[in-house]
């Protein structure tokens, strides 16, 4: 490789590295890991130490390929603490192969087939007079609301999750980190 070619190649690598850093810098850190807007939901989620239970559940339900798909998806992503707050033994039971259909239902009730940033969600809430119903991929109907700038999501059982980290952009949608697991009826 000549000096000119080597210089161009080094410059390309530097620009590429800076572009990757910029993509991560625009997104909030999640679980101690940078989230890259040019990676898909699964590629980012596997790096979050706060979402290991969610990733294990997505794998057990066979939803990895779906969430790596084109989308767009909005995922309300419960943390490990949210899963740990479920009644003792719930997560272990859901992860059993014989409960795959139930696990899939629970997980798909966290996914909306749209790319909805928090500003869009807040506008829908305002336009609907304080609450907005959202139908998920799993057929659940969630009710979103806003108080003091924070978005809350009520599931079909009446449990309320709060968005703790909003607007984590992905190549195929957006993730909003939540503090509770949303459950279907």
Protein backbone atom coordinates (compact mmCIF):
# COMPACT_ATOMS: atom_id res chain seq x y z
CA UNK A 1 0.00 0.00 0.00
CA UNK A 2 1.48 3.36 -1.01
CA UNK A 3 1.74 6.34 1.35
CA UNK A 4 -1.19 8.12 -0.29
CA UNK A 5 -3.42 5.03 -0.17
CA UNK A 6 -2.40 4.34 3.44
CA UNK A 7 -3.18 7.96 4.36
CA UNK A 8 -6.61 7.83 2.72
CA UNK A 9 -7.36 4.50 4.40
CA UNK A 10 -6.28 5.86 7.83
CA UNK A 11 -8.46 8.93 7.26
CA UNK A 12 -11.43 6.72 6.35
CA UNK A 13 -10.94 4.68 9.55
CA UNK A 14 -10.76 7.85 11.64
CA UNK A 15 -13.98 9.23 10.09
CA UNK A 16 -15.71 5.86 10.53
CA UNK A 17 -14.67 5.68 14.20
CA UNK A 18 -15.86 9.25 14.80
CA UNK A 19 -19.17 8.52 13.06
CA UNK A 20 -19.75 5.51 15.33
CA UNK A 21 -18.90 7.57 18.39
CA UNK A 22 -21.30 10.30 17.29
CA UNK A 23 -24.09 7.79 16.79
CA UNK A 24 -23.59 6.51 20.33
CA UNK A 25 -23.21 10.00 21.80
CA UNK A 26 -26.62 11.09 20.51
CA UNK A 27 -28.30 8.20 22.33
CA UNK A 28 -28.46 7.75 26.09
CA UNK A 29 -26.34 5.01 27.66
CA UNK A 30 -28.40 1.99 28.71
CA UNK A 31 -27.17 -0.55 31.23
CA UNK A 32 -23.70 1.00 31.12
CA UNK A 33 -23.40 0.46 27.38
CA UNK A 34 -23.52 2.86 24.47
CA UNK A 35 -26.55 2.44 22.24
CA UNK A 36 -25.86 2.92 18.54
CA UNK A 37 -28.59 4.31 16.29
CA UNK A 38 -27.13 2.32 13.38
CA UNK A 39 -27.61 -1.03 15.19
CA UNK A 40 -30.91 -2.86 15.57
CA UNK A 41 -32.82 -3.48 18.79
CA UNK A 42 -31.19 -6.84 19.50
CA UNK A 43 -27.66 -5.72 18.62
CA UNK A 44 -27.95 -2.94 21.20
CA UNK A 45 -29.96 -4.78 23.87
CA UNK A 46 -27.40 -7.59 24.23
CA UNK A 47 -24.88 -5.00 25.45
CA UNK A 48 -27.05 -3.61 28.26
CA UNK A 49 -26.27 -5.18 31.63
CA UNK A 50 -29.73 -4.00 32.78
CA UNK A 51 -31.55 -6.08 30.14
CA UNK A 52 -30.04 -9.57 30.40
CA UNK A 53 -33.37 -11.06 31.52
CA UNK A 54 -35.21 -9.40 28.63
CA UNK A 55 -32.63 -10.68 26.13
CA UNK A 56 -32.86 -14.21 27.58
CA UNK A 57 -36.66 -14.04 27.34
CA UNK A 58 -36.56 -12.78 23.74
CA UNK A 59 -34.25 -15.69 22.85
CA UNK A 60 -36.47 -18.23 24.65
CA UNK A 61 -39.54 -16.90 22.85
CA UNK A 62 -37.82 -17.10 19.46
CA UNK A 63 -38.26 -13.37 18.82
CA UNK A 64 -34.64 -12.48 18.03
CA UNK A 65 -35.11 -12.59 14.26
CA UNK A 66 -38.33 -10.55 14.49
CA UNK A 67 -36.72 -7.77 16.54
CA UNK A 68 -33.74 -7.72 14.19
CA UNK A 69 -36.17 -7.19 11.32
CA UNK A 70 -36.90 -4.02 9.39
CA UNK A 71 -39.51 -2.68 11.80
CA UNK A 72 -40.18 0.00 12.71
CA UNK A 73 -40.71 -1.04 16.32
CA UNK A 74 -41.19 0.81 19.56
CA UNK A 75 -40.11 -1.44 22.41
CA UNK A 76 -40.94 -0.72 26.03
CA UNK A 77 -37.96 -2.56 27.53
CA UNK A 78 -38.29 -3.70 31.16
CA UNK A 79 -35.10 -3.85 33.18
CA UNK A 80 -33.80 -6.85 35.12
CA UNK A 81 -35.20 -5.19 38.26
CA UNK A 82 -38.64 -5.02 36.64
CA UNK A 83 -38.56 -8.76 35.93
CA UNK A 84 -37.24 -9.44 39.46
CA UNK A 85 -40.24 -7.58 40.92
CA UNK A 86 -42.65 -10.16 39.45
CA UNK A 87 -43.88 -12.81 41.89
CA UNK A 88 -41.19 -15.33 42.81
CA UNK A 89 -40.74 -18.02 40.15
CA UNK A 90 -42.61 -16.14 37.41
CA UNK A 91 -39.59 -15.53 35.17
CA UNK A 92 -38.31 -19.09 35.59
CA UNK A 93 -41.75 -20.47 34.73
CA UNK A 94 -42.11 -18.22 31.66
CA UNK A 95 -38.69 -19.30 30.35
CA UNK A 96 -39.67 -22.99 30.28
CA UNK A 97 -40.19 -24.32 26.72
CA UNK A 98 -43.77 -25.40 27.48
CA UNK A 99 -44.65 -21.77 28.30
CA UNK A 100 -43.27 -20.26 25.07
CA UNK A 101 -46.70 -19.04 23.89
CA UNK A 102 -47.34 -17.20 27.16
CA UNK A 103 -43.83 -15.72 27.15
CA UNK A 104 -44.29 -14.59 23.55
CA UNK A 105 -47.59 -12.91 24.46
CA UNK A 106 -46.00 -11.07 27.40
CA UNK A 107 -43.04 -9.89 25.32
CA UNK A 108 -45.06 -8.83 22.28
CA UNK A 109 -47.23 -6.74 24.61
CA UNK A 110 -44.12 -4.56 24.98
CA UNK A 111 -43.79 -3.95 21.23
CA UNK A 112 -45.66 -1.48 19.04
CA UNK A 113 -45.37 -1.61 15.25
CA UNK A 114 -44.29 2.03 14.90
CA UNK A 115 -41.33 4.28 15.55
CA UNK A 116 -42.72 6.45 18.36
CA UNK A 117 -40.31 8.85 20.01
CA UNK A 118 -41.44 10.36 23.32
CA UNK A 119 -42.43 13.67 21.70
CA UNK A 120 -44.82 11.77 19.40
CA UNK A 121 -46.26 9.81 22.34
CA UNK A 122 -46.72 13.00 24.37
CA UNK A 123 -48.51 14.66 21.44
CA UNK A 124 -50.89 11.67 21.12
CA UNK A 125 -51.59 11.87 24.86
CA UNK A 126 -52.30 15.61 24.65
CA UNK A 127 -54.44 15.24 21.51
CA UNK A 128 -56.52 12.54 23.24
CA UNK A 129 -57.13 14.60 26.37
CA UNK A 130 -54.62 13.09 28.80
CA UNK A 131 -54.42 9.40 27.88
CA UNK A 132 -53.84 7.51 24.66
CA UNK A 133 -54.57 3.85 23.91
CA UNK A 134 -51.87 1.93 22.09
CA UNK A 135 -52.37 -1.50 20.52
CA UNK A 136 -49.29 -3.72 20.68
CA UNK A 137 -48.01 -6.40 18.33
CA UNK A 138 -49.24 -8.94 20.89
CA UNK A 139 -52.78 -7.55 20.79
CA UNK A 140 -52.61 -5.88 24.20
CA UNK A 141 -54.06 -2.41 24.66
CA UNK A 142 -51.83 -0.16 26.73
CA UNK A 143 -52.85 3.23 28.05
CA UNK A 144 -50.13 5.87 28.01
CA UNK A 145 -50.23 9.08 29.99
CA UNK A 146 -47.87 11.86 31.02
CA UNK A 147 -47.22 13.58 34.31
CA UNK A 148 -44.50 16.18 34.90
CA UNK A 149 -42.93 15.33 31.55
CA UNK A 150 -42.65 11.60 32.32
CA UNK A 151 -44.50 8.95 30.33
CA UNK A 152 -46.36 6.17 32.14
CA UNK A 153 -47.85 3.02 30.62
CA UNK A 154 -50.76 1.11 32.17
CA UNK A 155 -51.15 -2.53 31.14
CA UNK A 156 -54.37 -4.54 30.87
CA UNK A 157 -54.04 -5.67 34.51
CA UNK A 158 -53.82 -2.08 35.78
CA UNK A 159 -50.08 -2.17 36.52
CA UNK A 160 -48.26 1.07 35.74
CA UNK A 161 -44.74 1.24 34.31
CA UNK A 162 -42.76 4.44 34.00
CA UNK A 163 -40.35 5.31 31.22
CA UNK A 164 -36.96 5.77 32.90
CA UNK A 165 -34.88 6.26 29.75
CA UNK A 166 -36.68 7.54 26.65
CA UNK A 167 -35.80 7.80 22.98
CA UNK A 168 -33.01 5.25 22.56
CA UNK A 169 -32.88 5.25 18.77
CA UNK A 170 -32.24 2.02 16.87
CA UNK A 171 -31.83 1.30 13.17
CA UNK A 172 -35.26 -0.37 13.23
CA UNK A 173 -37.12 1.75 15.77
CA UNK A 174 -36.78 3.06 19.28
CA UNK A 175 -36.48 1.65 22.81
CA UNK A 176 -37.98 3.24 25.90
CA UNK A 177 -36.62 1.66 29.11
CA UNK A 178 -39.37 0.96 31.67
CA UNK A 179 -39.40 -0.01 35.33
CA UNK A 180 -42.15 -2.69 35.31
CA UNK A 181 -43.12 -5.64 33.17
CA UNK A 182 -46.36 -5.05 31.24
CA UNK A 183 -48.80 -7.95 31.46
CA UNK A 184 -51.67 -9.01 29.22
CA UNK A 185 -55.13 -9.94 30.51
